[in-house]
């Protein structure tokens, strides 16, 4: 029986530049020459001794812009300290997308677009009722993975 629950996470990004070759049907890509490095990191966070402090939800977005994160999670969740959302697959005919924002009318949104796009946030005690999650249209709904943790 488990006595503690944790989340291990990692993130990395590599800036890329492309160079067209003499044969114009070929392009060479490499790490951006002015930056010359990738940036990445990872950590393990402890979520205490309660199994429900770490949870996964398989969710299909809807177009309603007032859908709270709590509604997507299927429960009232308070004190979120880790949140990862990934577009797993399209649920309609267009390129799937997802908007994540703080309440109705907030212009500071996180937008994911396309299968595989992901966001990883380390909030400090967020409440799911304060955030909205939705797709931009009926043809862009997405099947997403949500992993969250409460420290």
N, C-alpha and C. Protein backbone atom coordinates (compact mmCIF):
# COMPACT_ATOMS: atom_id res chain seq x y z
N UNK A 1 0.84 -1.17 0.00
CA UNK A 1 0.00 0.00 0.00
C UNK A 1 0.89 1.24 0.00
N UNK A 2 0.56 2.18 -0.87
CA UNK A 2 1.36 3.40 -0.98
C UNK A 2 1.21 4.25 0.27
N UNK A 3 2.32 4.89 0.65
CA UNK A 3 2.30 5.77 1.81
C UNK A 3 2.51 7.23 1.44
N UNK A 4 3.07 7.48 0.25
CA UNK A 4 3.22 8.86 -0.23
C UNK A 4 2.92 8.89 -1.73
N UNK A 5 2.56 10.07 -2.19
CA UNK A 5 2.20 10.24 -3.60
C UNK A 5 2.98 11.43 -4.16
N UNK A 6 3.56 11.24 -5.35
CA UNK A 6 4.42 12.26 -5.95
C UNK A 6 4.13 12.37 -7.44
N UNK A 7 4.59 13.46 -8.01
CA UNK A 7 4.56 13.64 -9.47
C UNK A 7 5.98 13.97 -9.91
N UNK A 8 6.48 13.22 -10.87
CA UNK A 8 7.75 13.55 -11.51
C UNK A 8 7.41 14.20 -12.84
N UNK A 9 8.06 15.33 -13.12
CA UNK A 9 7.78 16.00 -14.37
C UNK A 9 9.07 16.52 -14.99
N UNK A 10 9.00 16.78 -16.28
CA UNK A 10 10.14 17.34 -17.01
C UNK A 10 9.61 18.16 -18.18
N UNK A 11 10.38 19.15 -18.56
CA UNK A 11 10.03 19.98 -19.71
C UNK A 11 11.31 20.39 -20.40
N UNK A 12 11.24 20.54 -21.70
CA UNK A 12 12.40 21.03 -22.44
C UNK A 12 11.94 21.73 -23.70
N UNK A 13 12.79 22.64 -24.19
CA UNK A 13 12.50 23.35 -25.42
C UNK A 13 13.83 23.61 -26.14
N UNK A 14 13.82 23.42 -27.45
CA UNK A 14 15.01 23.65 -28.26
C UNK A 14 14.66 24.64 -29.36
N UNK A 15 15.33 25.80 -29.37
CA UNK A 15 15.10 26.75 -30.46
C UNK A 15 15.75 26.23 -31.73
N UNK A 16 15.04 26.28 -32.83
CA UNK A 16 15.49 25.69 -34.10
C UNK A 16 15.58 26.77 -35.17
N UNK A 17 16.56 26.63 -36.04
CA UNK A 17 16.60 27.45 -37.25
C UNK A 17 16.72 26.52 -38.44
N UNK A 18 16.17 26.95 -39.56
CA UNK A 18 16.19 26.16 -40.80
C UNK A 18 16.97 26.91 -41.85
N UNK A 19 17.72 26.15 -42.65
CA UNK A 19 18.51 26.73 -43.73
C UNK A 19 18.15 26.00 -45.01
N UNK A 20 17.74 26.77 -46.02
CA UNK A 20 17.42 26.17 -47.31
C UNK A 20 18.73 25.80 -48.00
N UNK A 21 18.80 24.60 -48.51
CA UNK A 21 20.01 24.14 -49.20
C UNK A 21 19.95 24.51 -50.68
N UNK A 22 21.06 24.33 -51.37
CA UNK A 22 21.12 24.65 -52.80
C UNK A 22 20.03 23.92 -53.56
N UNK A 23 19.83 22.65 -53.24
CA UNK A 23 18.70 21.89 -53.78
C UNK A 23 17.49 22.37 -52.98
N UNK A 24 16.68 23.23 -53.55
CA UNK A 24 15.62 23.91 -52.81
C UNK A 24 14.54 22.98 -52.24
N UNK A 25 14.59 21.72 -52.58
CA UNK A 25 13.62 20.79 -52.00
C UNK A 25 14.12 20.26 -50.65
N UNK A 26 15.33 20.67 -50.24
CA UNK A 26 15.89 20.22 -48.97
C UNK A 26 16.15 21.40 -48.04
N UNK A 27 15.89 21.16 -46.78
CA UNK A 27 16.14 22.15 -45.74
C UNK A 27 16.89 21.46 -44.60
N UNK A 28 17.92 22.10 -44.09
CA UNK A 28 18.65 21.59 -42.94
C UNK A 28 18.19 22.34 -41.70
N UNK A 29 17.96 21.61 -40.61
CA UNK A 29 17.58 22.26 -39.37
C UNK A 29 18.67 22.01 -38.33
N UNK A 30 18.85 22.98 -37.45
CA UNK A 30 19.83 22.85 -36.37
C UNK A 30 19.40 23.74 -35.21
N UNK A 31 20.10 23.58 -34.10
CA UNK A 31 19.84 24.44 -32.95
C UNK A 31 20.14 25.88 -33.36
N UNK A 32 19.28 26.80 -32.96
CA UNK A 32 19.42 28.22 -33.31
C UNK A 32 20.85 28.69 -33.02
N UNK A 33 21.52 29.22 -34.03
CA UNK A 33 22.95 29.53 -33.92
C UNK A 33 23.26 30.70 -32.99
N UNK A 34 22.31 31.55 -32.69
CA UNK A 34 22.56 32.64 -31.75
C UNK A 34 22.34 32.22 -30.30
N UNK A 35 21.68 31.09 -30.12
CA UNK A 35 21.37 30.63 -28.77
C UNK A 35 22.23 29.42 -28.39
N UNK A 36 22.39 28.49 -29.31
CA UNK A 36 23.27 27.33 -29.15
C UNK A 36 22.98 26.43 -27.96
N UNK A 37 21.73 26.33 -27.53
CA UNK A 37 21.43 25.42 -26.45
C UNK A 37 19.93 25.15 -26.36
N UNK A 38 19.62 24.05 -25.71
CA UNK A 38 18.26 23.73 -25.33
C UNK A 38 18.08 24.15 -23.87
N UNK A 39 16.84 24.35 -23.48
CA UNK A 39 16.54 24.68 -22.10
C UNK A 39 15.60 23.61 -21.58
N UNK A 40 15.91 23.09 -20.41
CA UNK A 40 15.04 22.06 -19.86
C UNK A 40 15.27 21.88 -18.38
N UNK A 41 14.36 21.16 -17.78
CA UNK A 41 14.48 20.87 -16.36
C UNK A 41 13.39 19.93 -15.93
N UNK A 42 13.45 19.55 -14.71
CA UNK A 42 12.45 18.65 -14.17
C UNK A 42 12.60 18.56 -12.67
N UNK A 43 11.62 17.94 -12.06
CA UNK A 43 11.62 17.85 -10.61
C UNK A 43 10.62 16.78 -10.18
N UNK A 44 10.68 16.43 -8.95
CA UNK A 44 9.68 15.56 -8.35
C UNK A 44 9.05 16.35 -7.21
N UNK A 45 7.72 16.42 -7.20
CA UNK A 45 7.04 17.12 -6.11
C UNK A 45 6.24 16.11 -5.29
N UNK A 46 6.22 16.31 -4.01
CA UNK A 46 5.47 15.45 -3.11
C UNK A 46 4.06 15.99 -2.97
N UNK A 47 3.10 15.09 -3.07
CA UNK A 47 1.69 15.48 -2.94
C UNK A 47 1.07 14.87 -1.69
N UNK A 48 1.90 14.55 -0.72
CA UNK A 48 1.41 14.09 0.57
C UNK A 48 1.08 12.62 0.64
N UNK A 49 0.23 12.27 1.60
CA UNK A 49 -0.08 10.87 1.88
C UNK A 49 -1.49 10.46 1.46
N UNK A 50 -2.19 11.37 0.79
CA UNK A 50 -3.56 11.09 0.36
C UNK A 50 -3.58 10.80 -1.14
N UNK A 51 -4.07 9.64 -1.52
CA UNK A 51 -4.06 9.21 -2.93
C UNK A 51 -4.78 10.20 -3.84
N UNK A 52 -5.83 10.81 -3.38
CA UNK A 52 -6.60 11.73 -4.22
C UNK A 52 -5.92 13.08 -4.44
N UNK A 53 -4.77 13.30 -3.82
CA UNK A 53 -4.01 14.53 -4.06
C UNK A 53 -3.34 14.52 -5.43
N UNK A 54 -3.30 13.37 -6.07
CA UNK A 54 -2.82 13.25 -7.45
C UNK A 54 -3.96 12.62 -8.25
N UNK A 55 -4.34 13.28 -9.34
CA UNK A 55 -5.47 12.75 -10.10
C UNK A 55 -5.27 12.98 -11.60
N UNK A 56 -5.85 12.07 -12.39
CA UNK A 56 -5.83 12.13 -13.85
C UNK A 56 -7.28 12.17 -14.33
N UNK A 57 -7.53 13.01 -15.34
CA UNK A 57 -8.86 13.08 -15.93
C UNK A 57 -8.72 13.05 -17.45
N UNK A 58 -9.50 12.19 -18.08
CA UNK A 58 -9.63 12.12 -19.53
C UNK A 58 -10.87 12.95 -19.86
N UNK A 59 -10.69 14.03 -20.63
CA UNK A 59 -11.79 14.97 -20.84
C UNK A 59 -11.86 15.36 -22.31
N UNK A 60 -13.07 15.55 -22.82
CA UNK A 60 -13.28 16.08 -24.16
C UNK A 60 -13.83 17.50 -24.01
N UNK A 61 -13.11 18.46 -24.59
CA UNK A 61 -13.50 19.86 -24.44
C UNK A 61 -14.85 20.12 -25.11
N UNK A 62 -15.47 21.21 -24.69
CA UNK A 62 -16.68 21.69 -25.33
C UNK A 62 -16.46 23.15 -25.71
N UNK A 63 -17.39 23.76 -26.39
CA UNK A 63 -17.22 25.11 -26.90
C UNK A 63 -17.65 26.17 -25.88
N UNK A 64 -18.39 25.78 -24.85
CA UNK A 64 -18.89 26.73 -23.86
C UNK A 64 -17.75 27.40 -23.12
N UNK A 65 -17.63 28.72 -23.29
CA UNK A 65 -16.50 29.46 -22.72
C UNK A 65 -16.58 29.62 -21.21
N UNK A 66 -17.66 29.22 -20.59
CA UNK A 66 -17.77 29.34 -19.14
C UNK A 66 -17.60 28.00 -18.43
N UNK A 67 -17.07 27.01 -19.13
CA UNK A 67 -16.83 25.70 -18.51
C UNK A 67 -15.65 25.82 -17.57
N UNK A 68 -15.87 25.60 -16.28
CA UNK A 68 -14.78 25.73 -15.31
C UNK A 68 -13.88 24.49 -15.34
N UNK A 69 -12.69 24.68 -14.82
CA UNK A 69 -11.78 23.55 -14.68
C UNK A 69 -12.41 22.49 -13.78
N UNK A 70 -13.13 22.93 -12.73
CA UNK A 70 -13.84 21.98 -11.87
C UNK A 70 -14.80 21.11 -12.68
N UNK A 71 -15.55 21.72 -13.61
CA UNK A 71 -16.49 20.95 -14.44
C UNK A 71 -15.74 19.92 -15.27
N UNK A 72 -14.58 20.32 -15.81
CA UNK A 72 -13.78 19.38 -16.60
C UNK A 72 -13.24 18.25 -15.72
N UNK A 73 -12.89 18.57 -14.49
CA UNK A 73 -12.35 17.57 -13.58
C UNK A 73 -13.43 16.69 -12.96
N UNK A 74 -14.67 17.14 -13.05
CA UNK A 74 -15.78 16.37 -12.50
C UNK A 74 -15.89 16.46 -10.99
N UNK A 75 -15.26 17.46 -10.40
CA UNK A 75 -15.29 17.62 -8.95
C UNK A 75 -14.86 19.03 -8.59
N UNK A 76 -15.17 19.45 -7.38
CA UNK A 76 -14.66 20.72 -6.88
C UNK A 76 -13.26 20.45 -6.34
N UNK A 77 -12.28 21.10 -6.96
CA UNK A 77 -10.88 20.86 -6.58
C UNK A 77 -10.28 22.19 -6.12
N UNK A 78 -9.75 22.19 -4.91
CA UNK A 78 -9.11 23.39 -4.38
C UNK A 78 -7.65 23.08 -4.05
N UNK A 79 -6.83 24.10 -4.09
CA UNK A 79 -5.43 23.96 -3.70
C UNK A 79 -4.55 23.30 -4.74
N UNK A 80 -4.83 23.48 -6.02
CA UNK A 80 -4.03 22.85 -7.09
C UNK A 80 -2.63 23.48 -7.13
N UNK A 81 -1.60 22.63 -7.04
CA UNK A 81 -0.21 23.09 -7.05
C UNK A 81 0.56 22.59 -8.27
N UNK A 82 -0.03 21.72 -9.04
CA UNK A 82 0.59 21.21 -10.27
C UNK A 82 -0.53 20.94 -11.26
N UNK A 83 -0.35 21.38 -12.51
CA UNK A 83 -1.37 21.15 -13.53
C UNK A 83 -0.69 20.94 -14.88
N UNK A 84 -1.02 19.82 -15.50
CA UNK A 84 -0.51 19.53 -16.84
C UNK A 84 -1.70 19.14 -17.71
N UNK A 85 -1.81 19.79 -18.87
CA UNK A 85 -2.89 19.50 -19.81
C UNK A 85 -2.26 19.25 -21.17
N UNK A 86 -2.68 18.17 -21.83
CA UNK A 86 -2.14 17.81 -23.14
C UNK A 86 -3.29 17.47 -24.08
N UNK A 87 -3.21 17.97 -25.32
CA UNK A 87 -4.17 17.55 -26.34
C UNK A 87 -3.73 16.18 -26.85
N UNK A 88 -4.54 15.17 -26.57
CA UNK A 88 -4.21 13.79 -26.93
C UNK A 88 -4.64 13.45 -28.36
N UNK A 89 -5.84 13.96 -28.74
CA UNK A 89 -6.34 13.69 -30.09
C UNK A 89 -7.49 14.63 -30.42
N UNK A 90 -7.79 14.70 -31.70
CA UNK A 90 -8.93 15.51 -32.16
C UNK A 90 -10.22 14.78 -31.84
N UNK A 91 -11.24 15.54 -31.48
CA UNK A 91 -12.55 14.96 -31.22
C UNK A 91 -13.54 15.38 -32.31
N UNK A 92 -13.05 16.08 -33.34
CA UNK A 92 -13.88 16.50 -34.45
C UNK A 92 -13.01 16.56 -35.70
N UNK A 93 -13.42 17.34 -36.69
CA UNK A 93 -12.76 17.32 -38.00
C UNK A 93 -11.62 18.32 -38.16
N UNK A 94 -11.56 19.36 -37.33
CA UNK A 94 -10.53 20.39 -37.47
C UNK A 94 -9.33 20.13 -36.58
N UNK A 95 -8.41 21.09 -36.58
CA UNK A 95 -7.25 21.02 -35.69
C UNK A 95 -7.74 21.30 -34.27
N UNK A 96 -7.53 20.36 -33.35
CA UNK A 96 -8.04 20.56 -32.00
C UNK A 96 -7.33 21.72 -31.30
N UNK A 97 -8.09 22.46 -30.47
CA UNK A 97 -7.47 23.52 -29.68
C UNK A 97 -8.10 23.58 -28.30
N UNK A 98 -7.47 24.35 -27.44
CA UNK A 98 -7.94 24.49 -26.08
C UNK A 98 -7.52 25.86 -25.58
N UNK A 99 -8.44 26.56 -24.94
CA UNK A 99 -8.13 27.82 -24.27
C UNK A 99 -8.29 27.60 -22.78
N UNK A 100 -7.33 28.08 -22.03
CA UNK A 100 -7.33 27.99 -20.56
C UNK A 100 -7.17 29.41 -20.06
N UNK A 101 -8.13 29.88 -19.25
CA UNK A 101 -8.04 31.27 -18.78
C UNK A 101 -8.61 31.42 -17.38
N UNK A 102 -8.25 32.54 -16.77
CA UNK A 102 -8.76 32.90 -15.45
C UNK A 102 -10.07 33.64 -15.63
N UNK A 103 -11.18 32.96 -15.41
CA UNK A 103 -12.48 33.59 -15.42
C UNK A 103 -12.92 34.21 -16.73
N UNK A 104 -14.20 34.48 -16.83
CA UNK A 104 -14.80 35.07 -18.02
C UNK A 104 -14.22 36.44 -18.32
N UNK A 105 -13.85 36.65 -19.57
CA UNK A 105 -13.35 37.94 -20.01
C UNK A 105 -11.87 38.14 -19.83
N UNK A 106 -11.18 37.23 -19.16
CA UNK A 106 -9.74 37.36 -18.99
C UNK A 106 -9.06 37.26 -20.34
N UNK A 107 -8.17 38.17 -20.63
CA UNK A 107 -7.46 38.15 -21.91
C UNK A 107 -6.12 37.44 -21.80
N UNK A 108 -5.72 37.07 -20.59
CA UNK A 108 -4.45 36.36 -20.41
C UNK A 108 -4.70 34.85 -20.48
N UNK A 109 -4.74 34.34 -21.68
CA UNK A 109 -5.09 32.94 -21.85
C UNK A 109 -3.88 32.11 -22.25
N UNK A 110 -3.98 30.84 -21.99
CA UNK A 110 -3.03 29.85 -22.49
C UNK A 110 -3.77 29.10 -23.59
N UNK A 111 -3.21 29.07 -24.78
CA UNK A 111 -3.89 28.42 -25.89
C UNK A 111 -3.02 27.27 -26.40
N UNK A 112 -3.63 26.10 -26.48
CA UNK A 112 -2.97 24.94 -27.07
C UNK A 112 -3.60 24.70 -28.43
N UNK A 113 -2.79 24.22 -29.39
CA UNK A 113 -3.30 23.97 -30.73
C UNK A 113 -2.62 22.76 -31.32
N UNK A 114 -3.40 21.78 -31.71
CA UNK A 114 -2.88 20.59 -32.37
C UNK A 114 -2.57 19.46 -31.40
N UNK A 115 -2.65 18.25 -31.94
CA UNK A 115 -2.37 17.06 -31.15
C UNK A 115 -0.93 17.11 -30.65
N UNK A 116 -0.76 16.80 -29.37
CA UNK A 116 0.57 16.79 -28.76
C UNK A 116 0.92 18.07 -28.03
N UNK A 117 0.22 19.18 -28.31
CA UNK A 117 0.53 20.42 -27.61
C UNK A 117 0.22 20.24 -26.13
N UNK A 118 1.04 20.87 -25.29
CA UNK A 118 0.96 20.63 -23.85
C UNK A 118 1.28 21.90 -23.07
N UNK A 119 0.70 22.01 -21.89
CA UNK A 119 1.07 23.08 -20.96
C UNK A 119 1.30 22.47 -19.60
N UNK A 120 2.28 23.01 -18.90
CA UNK A 120 2.62 22.55 -17.57
C UNK A 120 2.71 23.79 -16.69
N UNK A 121 1.91 23.83 -15.64
CA UNK A 121 1.89 24.99 -14.75
C UNK A 121 2.14 24.55 -13.32
N UNK A 122 2.82 25.41 -12.58
CA UNK A 122 3.06 25.18 -11.15
C UNK A 122 2.40 26.31 -10.36
N UNK A 123 1.07 26.29 -10.29
CA UNK A 123 0.38 27.33 -9.52
C UNK A 123 0.60 27.12 -8.03
N UNK A 124 0.11 28.02 -7.26
CA UNK A 124 0.23 27.91 -5.81
C UNK A 124 -1.17 27.92 -5.20
N UNK A 125 -1.75 26.74 -5.09
CA UNK A 125 -3.05 26.62 -4.44
C UNK A 125 -4.24 27.12 -5.22
N UNK A 126 -4.25 26.93 -6.54
CA UNK A 126 -5.37 27.36 -7.37
C UNK A 126 -6.63 26.56 -7.05
N UNK A 127 -7.77 27.20 -7.29
CA UNK A 127 -9.06 26.53 -7.19
C UNK A 127 -9.62 26.33 -8.59
N UNK A 128 -10.08 25.13 -8.90
CA UNK A 128 -10.59 24.81 -10.22
C UNK A 128 -11.76 25.67 -10.67
N UNK A 129 -12.54 26.19 -9.72
CA UNK A 129 -13.71 27.01 -10.05
C UNK A 129 -13.32 28.35 -10.65
N UNK A 130 -12.07 28.77 -10.44
CA UNK A 130 -11.61 30.09 -10.90
C UNK A 130 -11.11 30.09 -12.35
N UNK A 131 -11.03 28.93 -12.99
CA UNK A 131 -10.43 28.83 -14.32
C UNK A 131 -11.40 28.20 -15.30
N UNK A 132 -11.29 28.63 -16.55
CA UNK A 132 -12.16 28.11 -17.60
C UNK A 132 -11.32 27.37 -18.63
N UNK A 133 -11.93 26.36 -19.23
CA UNK A 133 -11.25 25.53 -20.22
C UNK A 133 -12.26 25.19 -21.31
N UNK A 134 -11.90 25.47 -22.57
CA UNK A 134 -12.85 25.25 -23.67
C UNK A 134 -12.13 25.27 -25.01
N UNK A 135 -12.83 24.84 -26.05
CA UNK A 135 -12.32 24.90 -27.42
C UNK A 135 -13.01 26.05 -28.16
N UNK A 136 -12.38 26.49 -29.25
CA UNK A 136 -12.85 27.68 -29.95
C UNK A 136 -14.05 27.44 -30.87
N UNK A 137 -14.31 26.20 -31.24
CA UNK A 137 -15.43 25.93 -32.14
C UNK A 137 -15.79 24.45 -32.16
N UNK A 138 -16.92 24.15 -32.80
CA UNK A 138 -17.42 22.78 -32.83
C UNK A 138 -16.49 21.83 -33.57
N UNK A 139 -15.71 22.33 -34.53
CA UNK A 139 -14.81 21.44 -35.28
C UNK A 139 -13.42 21.37 -34.66
N UNK A 140 -13.19 22.09 -33.54
CA UNK A 140 -11.86 22.09 -32.93
C UNK A 140 -11.83 21.48 -31.53
N UNK A 141 -12.91 20.78 -31.16
CA UNK A 141 -12.92 20.15 -29.83
C UNK A 141 -11.81 19.12 -29.74
N UNK A 142 -11.31 18.93 -28.51
CA UNK A 142 -10.13 18.10 -28.29
C UNK A 142 -10.36 17.09 -27.18
N UNK A 143 -9.75 15.93 -27.33
CA UNK A 143 -9.67 14.96 -26.24
C UNK A 143 -8.36 15.27 -25.53
N UNK A 144 -8.46 15.55 -24.23
CA UNK A 144 -7.28 15.99 -23.51
C UNK A 144 -7.00 15.12 -22.29
N UNK A 145 -5.73 15.11 -21.88
CA UNK A 145 -5.31 14.50 -20.63
C UNK A 145 -5.06 15.63 -19.63
N UNK A 146 -5.60 15.49 -18.44
CA UNK A 146 -5.35 16.45 -17.36
C UNK A 146 -4.76 15.70 -16.18
N UNK A 147 -3.61 16.15 -15.72
CA UNK A 147 -2.99 15.60 -14.51
C UNK A 147 -2.82 16.75 -13.54
N UNK A 148 -3.29 16.57 -12.33
CA UNK A 148 -3.09 17.63 -11.33
C UNK A 148 -2.64 17.05 -10.01
N UNK A 149 -2.00 17.92 -9.22
CA UNK A 149 -1.53 17.52 -7.92
C UNK A 149 -1.76 18.61 -6.90
N UNK A 150 -1.99 18.17 -5.66
CA UNK A 150 -2.18 19.08 -4.53
C UNK A 150 -1.08 18.76 -3.54
N UNK A 151 -0.29 19.76 -3.22
CA UNK A 151 0.86 19.55 -2.31
C UNK A 151 0.40 19.71 -0.88
